[in-house]
Amino acid sequence: DAERRVGQNFAVGGRNSWRYCDIIEWAMYPSPENPVLVYFRERSTRPSGQGHLFPVLADPVQLRNSMQQRIGEKKRVTGPPSL
């Protein structure tokens, strides 16, 4: 499985390491066409799920395409994030 490691999580401790297969939902706010924030919820940090929200600092089209390809469009949500 592809995964990304970026060091310690400042908020909850532990490594920032999430496998794409563990992401259970994702979204871009206010919209996928004009995102300012990206949200995803994963089960690696805790079995009940942990939500993450971060600013879009990359090419939004490339980021959206990567999320669709690696996580899947069927896991994209349109409502408010579950943090």
PDB file of N, CA and C in Angstrom:
ATOM      1  N   ASP A   1       0.828  -1.194   0.000  1.00  0.00           N
ATOM      2  CA  ASP A   1       0.000   0.000   0.000  1.00  0.00           C
ATOM      3  C   ASP A   1       0.870   1.256   0.000  1.00  0.00           C
ATOM      4  N   ALA A   2       0.444   2.222  -0.773  1.00  0.00           N
ATOM      5  CA  ALA A   2       1.154   3.504  -0.780  1.00  0.00           C
ATOM      6  C   ALA A   2       0.791   4.250   0.497  1.00  0.00           C
ATOM      7  N   GLU A   3       1.752   4.891   1.095  1.00  0.00           N
ATOM      8  CA  GLU A   3       1.497   5.687   2.283  1.00  0.00           C
ATOM      9  C   GLU A   3       2.472   6.832   2.341  1.00  0.00           C
ATOM     10  N   ARG A   4       2.161   7.799   3.172  1.00  0.00           N
ATOM     11  CA  ARG A   4       2.991   8.991   3.277  1.00  0.00           C
ATOM     12  C   ARG A   4       3.364   9.186   4.736  1.00  0.00           C
ATOM     13  N   ARG A   5       4.640   9.412   5.022  1.00  0.00           N
ATOM     14  CA  ARG A   5       5.115   9.658   6.384  1.00  0.00           C
ATOM     15  C   ARG A   5       5.724  11.050   6.424  1.00  0.00           C
ATOM     16  N   VAL A   6       5.236  11.863   7.354  1.00  0.00           N
ATOM     17  CA  VAL A   6       5.726  13.239   7.436  1.00  0.00           C
ATOM     18  C   VAL A   6       6.128  13.646   8.846  1.00  0.00           C
ATOM     19  N   GLY A   7       6.425  12.695   9.719  1.00  0.00           N
ATOM     20  CA  GLY A   7       6.872  13.037  11.063  1.00  0.00           C
ATOM     21  C   GLY A   7       5.777  12.922  12.100  1.00  0.00           C
ATOM     22  N   GLN A   8       6.039  13.507  13.270  1.00  0.00           N
ATOM     23  CA  GLN A   8       5.117  13.439  14.403  1.00  0.00           C
ATOM     24  C   GLN A   8       3.906  14.342  14.206  1.00  0.00           C
ATOM     25  N   ASN A   9       2.759  13.885  14.677  1.00  0.00           N
ATOM     26  CA  ASN A   9       1.546  14.685  14.652  1.00  0.00           C
ATOM     27  C   ASN A   9       1.572  15.599  15.867  1.00  0.00           C
ATOM     28  N   PHE A  10       1.559  16.907  15.640  1.00  0.00           N
ATOM     29  CA  PHE A  10       1.682  17.865  16.743  1.00  0.00           C
ATOM     30  C   PHE A  10       0.468  17.863  17.657  1.00  0.00           C
ATOM     31  N   ALA A  11      -0.697  17.478  17.172  1.00  0.00           N
ATOM     32  CA  ALA A  11      -1.920  17.573  17.970  1.00  0.00           C
ATOM     33  C   ALA A  11      -2.170  16.343  18.839  1.00  0.00           C
ATOM     34  N   VAL A  12      -1.942  15.156  18.308  1.00  0.00           N
ATOM     35  CA  VAL A  12      -2.266  13.949  19.059  1.00  0.00           C
ATOM     36  C   VAL A  12      -1.070  13.040  19.292  1.00  0.00           C
ATOM     37  N   GLY A  13       0.099  13.426  18.787  1.00  0.00           N
ATOM     38  CA  GLY A  13       1.285  12.600  18.947  1.00  0.00           C
ATOM     39  C   GLY A  13       1.300  11.448  17.956  1.00  0.00           C
ATOM     40  N   GLY A  14       2.373  10.729  17.925  1.00  0.00           N
ATOM     41  CA  GLY A  14       2.500   9.600  16.999  1.00  0.00           C
ATOM     42  C   GLY A  14       2.862  10.057  15.603  1.00  0.00           C
ATOM     43  N   ARG A  15       3.133   9.070  14.761  1.00  0.00           N
ATOM     44  CA  ARG A  15       3.530   9.373  13.391  1.00  0.00           C
ATOM     45  C   ARG A  15       2.336   9.779  12.544  1.00  0.00           C
ATOM     46  N   ASN A  16       2.570  10.671  11.600  1.00  0.00           N
ATOM     47  CA  ASN A  16       1.590  10.994  10.575  1.00  0.00           C
ATOM     48  C   ASN A  16       1.798   9.973   9.464  1.00  0.00           C
ATOM     49  N   SER A  17       1.076   8.883   9.525  1.00  0.00           N
ATOM     50  CA  SER A  17       1.232   7.817   8.547  1.00  0.00           C
ATOM     51  C   SER A  17      -0.137   7.200   8.287  1.00  0.00           C
ATOM     52  N   TRP A  18      -0.659   7.413   7.085  1.00  0.00           N
ATOM     53  CA  TRP A  18      -1.983   6.898   6.759  1.00  0.00           C
ATOM     54  C   TRP A  18      -1.933   6.196   5.424  1.00  0.00           C
ATOM     55  N   ARG A  19      -2.474   4.989   5.385  1.00  0.00           N
ATOM     56  CA  ARG A  19      -2.585   4.261   4.126  1.00  0.00           C
ATOM     57  C   ARG A  19      -3.860   4.707   3.425  1.00  0.00           C
ATOM     58  N   TYR A  20      -3.802   4.816   2.129  1.00  0.00           N
ATOM     59  CA  TYR A  20      -4.981   5.241   1.379  1.00  0.00           C
ATOM     60  C   TYR A  20      -6.166   4.322   1.631  1.00  0.00           C
ATOM     61  N   CYS A  21      -5.909   3.024   1.789  1.00  0.00           N
ATOM     62  CA  CYS A  21      -7.009   2.084   2.016  1.00  0.00           C
ATOM     63  C   CYS A  21      -7.693   2.307   3.367  1.00  0.00           C
ATOM     64  N   ASP A  22      -7.048   3.008   4.310  1.00  0.00           N
ATOM     65  CA  ASP A  22      -7.646   3.288   5.614  1.00  0.00           C
ATOM     66  C   ASP A  22      -8.465   4.575   5.626  1.00  0.00           C
ATOM     67  N   ILE A  23      -8.437   5.338   4.548  1.00  0.00           N
ATOM     68  CA  ILE A  23      -9.234   6.566   4.471  1.00  0.00           C
ATOM     69  C   ILE A  23     -10.662   6.167   4.129  1.00  0.00           C
ATOM     70  N   ILE A  24     -11.602   6.570   4.998  1.00  0.00           N
ATOM     71  CA  ILE A  24     -12.989   6.147   4.828  1.00  0.00           C
ATOM     72  C   ILE A  24     -13.860   7.226   4.197  1.00  0.00           C
ATOM     73  N   GLU A  25     -13.414   8.483   4.198  1.00  0.00           N
ATOM     74  CA  GLU A  25     -14.126   9.546   3.498  1.00  0.00           C
ATOM     75  C   GLU A  25     -13.201  10.736   3.303  1.00  0.00           C
ATOM     76  N   TRP A  26     -13.535  11.559   2.296  1.00  0.00           N
ATOM     77  CA  TRP A  26     -12.736  12.741   2.024  1.00  0.00           C
ATOM     78  C   TRP A  26     -13.624  13.797   1.373  1.00  0.00           C
ATOM     79  N   ALA A  27     -13.167  15.047   1.446  1.00  0.00           N
ATOM     80  CA  ALA A  27     -13.923  16.157   0.853  1.00  0.00           C
ATOM     81  C   ALA A  27     -12.990  17.343   0.628  1.00  0.00           C
ATOM     82  N   MET A  28     -13.452  18.265  -0.196  1.00  0.00           N
ATOM     83  CA  MET A  28     -12.744  19.525  -0.432  1.00  0.00           C
ATOM     84  C   MET A  28     -13.767  20.635  -0.211  1.00  0.00           C
ATOM     85  N   TYR A  29     -13.375  21.645   0.551  1.00  0.00           N
ATOM     86  CA  TYR A  29     -14.292  22.731   0.908  1.00  0.00           C
ATOM     87  C   TYR A  29     -13.752  24.075   0.454  1.00  0.00           C
ATOM     88  N   PRO A  30     -14.544  24.991  -0.032  1.00  0.00           N
ATOM     89  CA  PRO A  30     -16.002  24.894  -0.122  1.00  0.00           C
ATOM     90  C   PRO A  30     -16.502  23.998  -1.255  1.00  0.00           C
ATOM     91  N   SER A  31     -15.653  23.662  -2.247  1.00  0.00           N
ATOM     92  CA  SER A  31     -16.059  22.762  -3.331  1.00  0.00           C
ATOM     93  C   SER A  31     -14.812  22.132  -3.951  1.00  0.00           C
ATOM     94  N   PRO A  32     -14.976  20.995  -4.640  1.00  0.00           N
ATOM     95  CA  PRO A  32     -13.830  20.375  -5.308  1.00  0.00           C
ATOM     96  C   PRO A  32     -13.257  21.245  -6.427  1.00  0.00           C
ATOM     97  N   GLU A  33     -14.087  22.106  -6.996  1.00  0.00           N
ATOM     98  CA  GLU A  33     -13.634  22.969  -8.078  1.00  0.00           C
ATOM     99  C   GLU A  33     -12.809  24.156  -7.572  1.00  0.00           C
ATOM    100  N   ASN A  34     -13.076  24.610  -6.366  1.00  0.00           N
ATOM    101  CA  ASN A  34     -12.380  25.761  -5.769  1.00  0.00           C
ATOM    102  C   ASN A  34     -12.051  25.482  -4.310  1.00  0.00           C
ATOM    103  N   PRO A  35     -11.206  24.490  -4.047  1.00  0.00           N
ATOM    104  CA  PRO A  35     -10.957  24.111  -2.653  1.00  0.00           C
ATOM    105  C   PRO A  35     -10.018  25.069  -1.914  1.00  0.00           C
ATOM    106  N   VAL A  36     -10.333  25.267  -0.662  1.00  0.00           N
ATOM    107  CA  VAL A  36      -9.482  26.009   0.264  1.00  0.00           C
ATOM    108  C   VAL A  36      -8.981  25.052   1.342  1.00  0.00           C
ATOM    109  N   LEU A  37      -9.848  24.103   1.727  1.00  0.00           N
ATOM    110  CA  LEU A  37      -9.514  23.102   2.742  1.00  0.00           C
ATOM    111  C   LEU A  37      -9.764  21.697   2.204  1.00  0.00           C
ATOM    112  N   VAL A  38      -8.948  20.760   2.663  1.00  0.00           N
ATOM    113  CA  VAL A  38      -9.124  19.337   2.347  1.00  0.00           C
ATOM    114  C   VAL A  38      -9.393  18.618   3.667  1.00  0.00           C
ATOM    115  N   TYR A  39     -10.316  17.697   3.629  1.00  0.00           N
ATOM    116  CA  TYR A  39     -10.680  16.892   4.802  1.00  0.00           C
ATOM    117  C   TYR A  39     -10.566  15.417   4.427  1.00  0.00           C
ATOM    118  N   PHE A  40     -10.074  14.603   5.358  1.00  0.00           N
ATOM    119  CA  PHE A  40     -10.203  13.155   5.215  1.00  0.00           C
ATOM    120  C   PHE A  40     -10.338  12.536   6.592  1.00  0.00           C
ATOM    121  N   ARG A  41     -10.975  11.387   6.638  1.00  0.00           N
ATOM    122  CA  ARG A  41     -11.165  10.622   7.873  1.00  0.00           C
ATOM    123  C   ARG A  41     -10.548   9.253   7.644  1.00  0.00           C
ATOM    124  N   GLU A  42      -9.706   8.824   8.591  1.00  0.00           N
ATOM    125  CA  GLU A  42      -9.001   7.541   8.451  1.00  0.00           C
ATOM    126  C   GLU A  42      -9.132   6.703   9.709  1.00  0.00           C
ATOM    127  N   ARG A  43      -8.858   5.402   9.562  1.00  0.00           N
ATOM    128  CA  ARG A  43      -8.957   4.461  10.683  1.00  0.00           C
ATOM    129  C   ARG A  43      -7.607   4.003  11.198  1.00  0.00           C
ATOM    130  N   SER A  44      -6.513   4.599  10.750  1.00  0.00           N
ATOM    131  CA  SER A  44      -5.186   4.196  11.225  1.00  0.00           C
ATOM    132  C   SER A  44      -4.900   4.735  12.622  1.00  0.00           C
ATOM    133  N   THR A  45      -5.328   5.955  12.897  1.00  0.00           N
ATOM    134  CA  THR A  45      -5.051   6.598  14.177  1.00  0.00           C
ATOM    135  C   THR A  45      -5.885   5.989  15.292  1.00  0.00           C
ATOM    136  N   ARG A  46      -7.167   5.777  15.026  1.00  0.00           N
ATOM    137  CA  ARG A  46      -8.046   5.096  15.982  1.00  0.00           C
ATOM    138  C   ARG A  46      -9.142   4.364  15.215  1.00  0.00           C
ATOM    139  N   PRO A  47      -9.566   3.222  15.711  1.00  0.00           N
ATOM    140  CA  PRO A  47     -10.529   2.392  14.979  1.00  0.00           C
ATOM    141  C   PRO A  47     -11.842   3.104  14.655  1.00  0.00           C
ATOM    142  N   SER A  48     -12.290   4.005  15.518  1.00  0.00           N
ATOM    143  CA  SER A  48     -13.547   4.715  15.266  1.00  0.00           C
ATOM    144  C   SER A  48     -13.396   5.783  14.194  1.00  0.00           C
ATOM    145  N   GLY A  49     -12.166   6.105  13.839  1.00  0.00           N
ATOM    146  CA  GLY A  49     -11.900   7.091  12.795  1.00  0.00           C
ATOM    147  C   GLY A  49     -11.400   8.397  13.372  1.00  0.00           C
ATOM    148  N   GLN A  50     -10.487   9.027  12.649  1.00  0.00           N
ATOM    149  CA  GLN A  50      -9.922  10.321  13.043  1.00  0.00           C
ATOM    150  C   GLN A  50     -10.005  11.233  11.829  1.00  0.00           C
ATOM    151  N   GLY A  51     -10.605  12.402  12.014  1.00  0.00           N
ATOM    152  CA  GLY A  51     -10.722  13.368  10.930  1.00  0.00           C
ATOM    153  C   GLY A  51      -9.520  14.301  10.884  1.00  0.00           C
ATOM    154  N   HIS A  52      -9.167  14.743   9.686  1.00  0.00           N
ATOM    155  CA  HIS A  52      -8.056  15.665   9.470  1.00  0.00           C
ATOM    156  C   HIS A  52      -8.515  16.748   8.504  1.00  0.00           C
ATOM    157  N   LEU A  53      -8.149  17.986   8.787  1.00  0.00           N
ATOM    158  CA  LEU A  53      -8.511  19.122   7.961  1.00  0.00           C
ATOM    159  C   LEU A  53      -7.259  19.950   7.753  1.00  0.00           C
ATOM    160  N   PHE A  54      -6.930  20.278   6.495  1.00  0.00           N
ATOM    161  CA  PHE A  54      -5.725  21.037   6.228  1.00  0.00           C
ATOM    162  C   PHE A  54      -5.918  21.953   5.029  1.00  0.00           C
ATOM    163  N   PRO A  55      -5.143  23.037   4.935  1.00  0.00           N
ATOM    164  CA  PRO A  55      -5.289  23.964   3.810  1.00  0.00           C
ATOM    165  C   PRO A  55      -4.718  23.382   2.518  1.00  0.00           C
ATOM    166  N   VAL A  56      -5.288  23.800   1.416  1.00  0.00           N
ATOM    167  CA  VAL A  56      -4.790  23.395   0.103  1.00  0.00           C
ATOM    168  C   VAL A  56      -3.562  24.249  -0.208  1.00  0.00           C
ATOM    169  N   LEU A  57      -2.402  23.623  -0.245  1.00  0.00           N
ATOM    170  CA  LEU A  57      -1.145  24.318  -0.515  1.00  0.00           C
ATOM    171  C   LEU A  57      -0.506  23.830  -1.809  1.00  0.00           C
ATOM    172  N   ALA A  58      -1.221  23.020  -2.566  1.00  0.00           N
ATOM    173  CA  ALA A  58      -0.709  22.459  -3.815  1.00  0.00           C
ATOM    174  C   ALA A  58      -1.684  22.818  -4.936  1.00  0.00           C
ATOM    175  N   ASP A  59      -1.361  22.411  -6.127  1.00  0.00           N
ATOM    176  CA  ASP A  59      -2.246  22.596  -7.270  1.00  0.00           C
ATOM    177  C   ASP A  59      -3.571  21.892  -6.965  1.00  0.00           C
ATOM    178  N   PRO A  60      -4.679  22.635  -6.856  1.00  0.00           N
ATOM    179  CA  PRO A  60      -5.945  22.015  -6.454  1.00  0.00           C
ATOM    180  C   PRO A  60      -6.460  20.967  -7.439  1.00  0.00           C
ATOM    181  N   VAL A  61      -6.216  21.150  -8.719  1.00  0.00           N
ATOM    182  CA  VAL A  61      -6.661  20.166  -9.705  1.00  0.00           C
ATOM    183  C   VAL A  61      -5.870  18.873  -9.552  1.00  0.00           C
ATOM    184  N   GLN A  62      -4.573  18.983  -9.400  1.00  0.00           N
ATOM    185  CA  GLN A  62      -3.732  17.802  -9.208  1.00  0.00           C
ATOM    186  C   GLN A  62      -4.083  17.098  -7.900  1.00  0.00           C
ATOM    187  N   LEU A  63      -4.325  17.860  -6.840  1.00  0.00           N
ATOM    188  CA  LEU A  63      -4.699  17.270  -5.554  1.00  0.00           C
ATOM    189  C   LEU A  63      -6.028  16.528  -5.662  1.00  0.00           C
ATOM    190  N   ARG A  64      -7.027  17.162  -6.288  1.00  0.00           N
ATOM    191  CA  ARG A  64      -8.331  16.516  -6.452  1.00  0.00           C
ATOM    192  C   ARG A  64      -8.197  15.233  -7.273  1.00  0.00           C
ATOM    193  N   ASN A  65      -7.438  15.285  -8.364  1.00  0.00           N
ATOM    194  CA  ASN A  65      -7.235  14.092  -9.191  1.00  0.00           C
ATOM    195  C   ASN A  65      -6.554  12.980  -8.406  1.00  0.00           C
ATOM    196  N   SER A  66      -5.572  13.328  -7.586  1.00  0.00           N
ATOM    197  CA  SER A  66      -4.879  12.326  -6.762  1.00  0.00           C
ATOM    198  C   SER A  66      -5.836  11.705  -5.754  1.00  0.00           C
ATOM    199  N   MET A  67      -6.654  12.529  -5.118  1.00  0.00           N
ATOM    200  CA  MET A  67      -7.623  12.003  -4.139  1.00  0.00           C
ATOM    201  C   MET A  67      -8.601  11.059  -4.837  1.00  0.00           C
ATOM    202  N   GLN A  68      -9.087  11.447  -6.013  1.00  0.00           N
ATOM    203  CA  GLN A  68     -10.033  10.603  -6.745  1.00  0.00           C
ATOM    204  C   GLN A  68      -9.386   9.284  -7.155  1.00  0.00           C
ATOM    205  N   GLN A  69      -8.150   9.319  -7.635  1.00  0.00           N
ATOM    206  CA  GLN A  69      -7.476   8.110  -8.096  1.00  0.00           C
ATOM    207  C   GLN A  69      -7.054   7.201  -6.944  1.00  0.00           C
ATOM    208  N   ARG A  70      -6.520   7.787  -5.878  1.00  0.00           N
ATOM    209  CA  ARG A  70      -5.953   6.972  -4.794  1.00  0.00           C
ATOM    210  C   ARG A  70      -6.973   6.537  -3.752  1.00  0.00           C
ATOM    211  N   ILE A  71      -7.992   7.363  -3.537  1.00  0.00           N
ATOM    212  CA  ILE A  71      -8.986   7.049  -2.502  1.00  0.00           C
ATOM    213  C   ILE A  71     -10.310   6.630  -3.127  1.00  0.00           C
ATOM    214  N   GLY A  72     -10.701   7.293  -4.191  1.00  0.00           N
ATOM    215  CA  GLY A  72     -11.927   6.939  -4.899  1.00  0.00           C
ATOM    216  C   GLY A  72     -13.021   7.973  -4.732  1.00  0.00           C
ATOM    217  N   GLU A  73     -13.702   8.215  -5.807  1.00  0.00           N
ATOM    218  CA  GLU A  73     -14.797   9.185  -5.812  1.00  0.00           C
ATOM    219  C   GLU A  73     -15.952   8.737  -4.924  1.00  0.00           C
ATOM    220  N   LYS A  74     -16.162   7.426  -4.797  1.00  0.00           N
ATOM    221  CA  LYS A  74     -17.293   6.948  -3.979  1.00  0.00           C
ATOM    222  C   LYS A  74     -17.106   7.249  -2.489  1.00  0.00           C
ATOM    223  N   LYS A  75     -15.877   7.558  -2.059  1.00  0.00           N
ATOM    224  CA  LYS A  75     -15.639   7.914  -0.653  1.00  0.00           C
ATOM    225  C   LYS A  75     -15.692   9.421  -0.414  1.00  0.00           C
ATOM    226  N   ARG A  76     -15.931  10.198  -1.477  1.00  0.00           N
ATOM    227  CA  ARG A  76     -16.017  11.659  -1.309  1.00  0.00           C
ATOM    228  C   ARG A  76     -17.376  12.006  -0.711  1.00  0.00           C
ATOM    229  N   VAL A  77     -17.355  12.871   0.304  1.00  0.00           N
ATOM    230  CA  VAL A  77     -18.581  13.326   0.951  1.00  0.00           C
ATOM    231  C   VAL A  77     -18.798  14.800   0.629  1.00  0.00           C
ATOM    232  N   THR A  78     -20.048  15.250   0.758  1.00  0.00           N
ATOM    233  CA  THR A  78     -20.369  16.637   0.439  1.00  0.00           C
ATOM    234  C   THR A  78     -20.829  17.434   1.652  1.00  0.00           C
ATOM    235  N   GLY A  79     -21.105  16.775   2.750  1.00  0.00           N
ATOM    236  CA  GLY A  79     -21.562  17.467   3.951  1.00  0.00           C
ATOM    237  C   GLY A  79     -20.412  17.973   4.796  1.00  0.00           C
ATOM    238  N   PRO A  80     -20.714  18.430   5.999  1.00  0.00           N
ATOM    239  CA  PRO A  80     -19.670  18.920   6.895  1.00  0.00           C
ATOM    240  C   PRO A  80     -18.742  17.797   7.347  1.00  0.00           C
ATOM    241  N   PRO A  81     -17.477  18.132   7.660  1.00  0.00           N
ATOM    242  CA  PRO A  81     -16.525  17.108   8.094  1.00  0.00           C
ATOM    243  C   PRO A  81     -16.858  16.527   9.456  1.00  0.00           C
ATOM    244  N   SER A  82     -16.482  15.272   9.672  1.00  0.00           N
ATOM    245  CA  SER A  82     -16.645  14.593  10.965  1.00  0.00           C
ATOM    246  C   SER A  82     -15.308  14.599  11.683  1.00  0.00           C
ATOM    247  N   LEU A  83     -15.029  15.672  12.396  1.00  0.00           N
ATOM    248  CA  LEU A  83     -13.738  15.791  13.074  1.00  0.00           C
ATOM    249  C   LEU A  83     -13.776  15.209  14.436  1.00  0.00           C
TER     250      LEU A  83
END
